[in-house]
Amino acid sequence: MSLLSRLHPRLKMVDPEPPDSEESIQELVDCSPIDIPQDFIDVMREASNEQFAVMVPGEALPCYFSIWGADYCLEMNEAYQVENQLGEALAIGTNFLGKMGSVCKF
């Protein structure tokens, strides 16, 4: 059973794009300063640049966030020099409010 098929009921995927190519995923794995979690790799094989809407209790409108695909991860990490800024980290998405989500090596 895929990770995306087991989402919480308050979490809805909006307009997913086709999955990344295996070549793109491998390039991200090879270029990443950290070991990328297998769950994230599996998600990239199902869909790319996923946007999610989260219904928060008490809020009239959903909150949104995005998990990037491999190609966009490479592009954004290079553009924002994430490794130079955060060290051993990989930005993997955004909340559309100027905040990037990242996976860090601990």
Protein backbone atom coordinates (compact mmCIF):
# COMPACT_ATOMS: atom_id res chain seq x y z
CA MET A 1 0.00 0.00 0.00
CA SER A 2 1.43 3.35 -1.02
CA LEU A 3 2.14 6.15 1.41
CA LEU A 4 -0.05 8.57 -0.57
CA SER A 5 -3.01 6.18 -0.35
CA ARG A 6 -2.80 6.26 3.47
CA LEU A 7 -3.18 10.01 4.01
CA HIS A 8 -5.06 11.35 7.01
CA PRO A 9 -8.70 12.24 6.13
CA ARG A 10 -8.00 15.97 6.71
CA LEU A 11 -5.19 15.86 4.15
CA LYS A 12 -6.10 16.02 0.47
CA MET A 13 -3.69 15.89 -2.47
CA VAL A 14 -4.43 18.64 -5.02
CA ASP A 15 -3.41 18.37 -8.69
CA PRO A 16 -0.48 15.93 -8.50
CA GLU A 17 1.86 15.85 -11.47
CA PRO A 18 3.17 12.66 -13.11
CA PRO A 19 5.98 10.89 -11.23
CA ASP A 20 9.58 11.85 -11.69
CA SER A 21 11.77 9.71 -13.92
CA GLU A 22 14.06 7.19 -12.27
CA GLU A 23 16.98 9.18 -13.74
CA SER A 24 15.83 12.37 -11.97
CA ILE A 25 15.32 10.55 -8.68
CA GLN A 26 18.76 8.95 -8.95
CA GLU A 27 20.35 12.32 -9.72
CA LEU A 28 18.77 13.76 -6.56
CA VAL A 29 19.98 10.78 -4.51
CA ASP A 30 23.49 11.15 -5.93
CA CYS A 31 23.63 14.95 -5.37
CA SER A 32 21.98 15.02 -1.95
CA PRO A 33 24.17 15.85 1.05
CA ILE A 34 22.06 13.46 3.16
CA ASP A 35 20.59 9.99 2.81
CA ILE A 36 17.11 10.60 1.44
CA PRO A 37 14.42 8.70 3.37
CA GLN A 38 12.96 5.81 1.38
CA ASP A 39 9.41 7.08 1.98
CA PHE A 40 10.27 10.32 0.15
CA ILE A 41 11.78 8.37 -2.75
CA ASP A 42 8.64 6.21 -2.90
CA VAL A 43 6.42 9.33 -2.99
CA MET A 44 8.46 10.75 -5.91
CA ARG A 45 7.82 7.50 -7.77
CA GLU A 46 4.05 7.96 -7.34
CA ALA A 47 3.62 11.67 -8.09
CA SER A 48 5.67 14.82 -8.46
CA ASN A 49 5.33 18.29 -6.96
CA GLU A 50 2.40 17.26 -4.82
CA GLN A 51 0.27 19.99 -3.31
CA PHE A 52 -1.78 19.22 -0.24
CA ALA A 53 -4.69 20.96 1.43
CA VAL A 54 -5.08 20.46 5.17
CA MET A 55 -8.36 21.24 6.89
CA VAL A 56 -7.51 22.61 10.33
CA PRO A 57 -10.29 22.36 12.93
CA GLY A 58 -11.82 25.77 13.54
CA GLU A 59 -10.48 27.27 10.30
CA ALA A 60 -12.79 28.11 7.39
CA LEU A 61 -10.13 27.64 4.70
CA PRO A 62 -7.52 24.91 4.29
CA CYS A 63 -3.79 25.42 4.74
CA TYR A 64 -1.63 24.35 1.81
CA PHE A 65 1.84 22.91 1.44
CA SER A 66 3.81 21.30 -1.35
CA ILE A 67 6.30 18.45 -1.50
CA TRP A 68 8.61 18.86 -4.46
CA GLY A 69 9.62 16.28 -7.00
CA ALA A 70 13.25 15.40 -7.71
CA ASP A 71 13.84 17.93 -10.51
CA TYR A 72 12.35 20.81 -8.53
CA CYS A 73 14.25 19.76 -5.39
CA LEU A 74 17.51 19.98 -7.32
CA GLU A 75 16.56 23.33 -8.83
CA MET A 76 15.42 24.94 -5.58
CA ASN A 77 18.27 23.59 -3.45
CA GLU A 78 20.74 25.03 -5.93
CA ALA A 79 18.88 28.35 -6.32
CA TYR A 80 18.67 28.91 -2.56
CA GLN A 81 22.06 27.36 -1.82
CA VAL A 82 20.46 25.20 0.85
CA GLU A 83 23.57 23.11 1.53
CA ASN A 84 25.67 26.28 1.99
CA GLN A 85 23.03 27.80 4.29
CA LEU A 86 22.00 24.74 6.33
CA GLY A 87 24.83 22.26 5.92
CA GLU A 88 23.74 18.68 5.56
CA ALA A 89 20.11 19.34 4.62
CA LEU A 90 17.81 18.98 1.64
CA ALA A 91 14.83 21.30 1.10
CA ILE A 92 11.87 19.20 -0.05
CA GLY A 93 8.89 21.56 -0.10
CA THR A 94 7.18 24.78 0.91
CA ASN A 95 4.14 26.04 2.78
CA PHE A 96 3.63 28.81 0.16
CA LEU A 97 4.24 31.42 2.87
CA GLY A 98 7.97 31.76 2.36
CA LYS A 99 8.94 28.72 4.46
CA MET A 100 10.77 25.71 3.03
CA GLY A 101 10.56 22.28 4.59
CA SER A 102 13.77 20.32 4.81
CA VAL A 103 15.21 16.98 5.79
CA CYS A 104 18.38 17.30 7.85
CA LYS A 105 21.09 14.91 8.91
CA PHE A 106 21.30 14.63 12.68
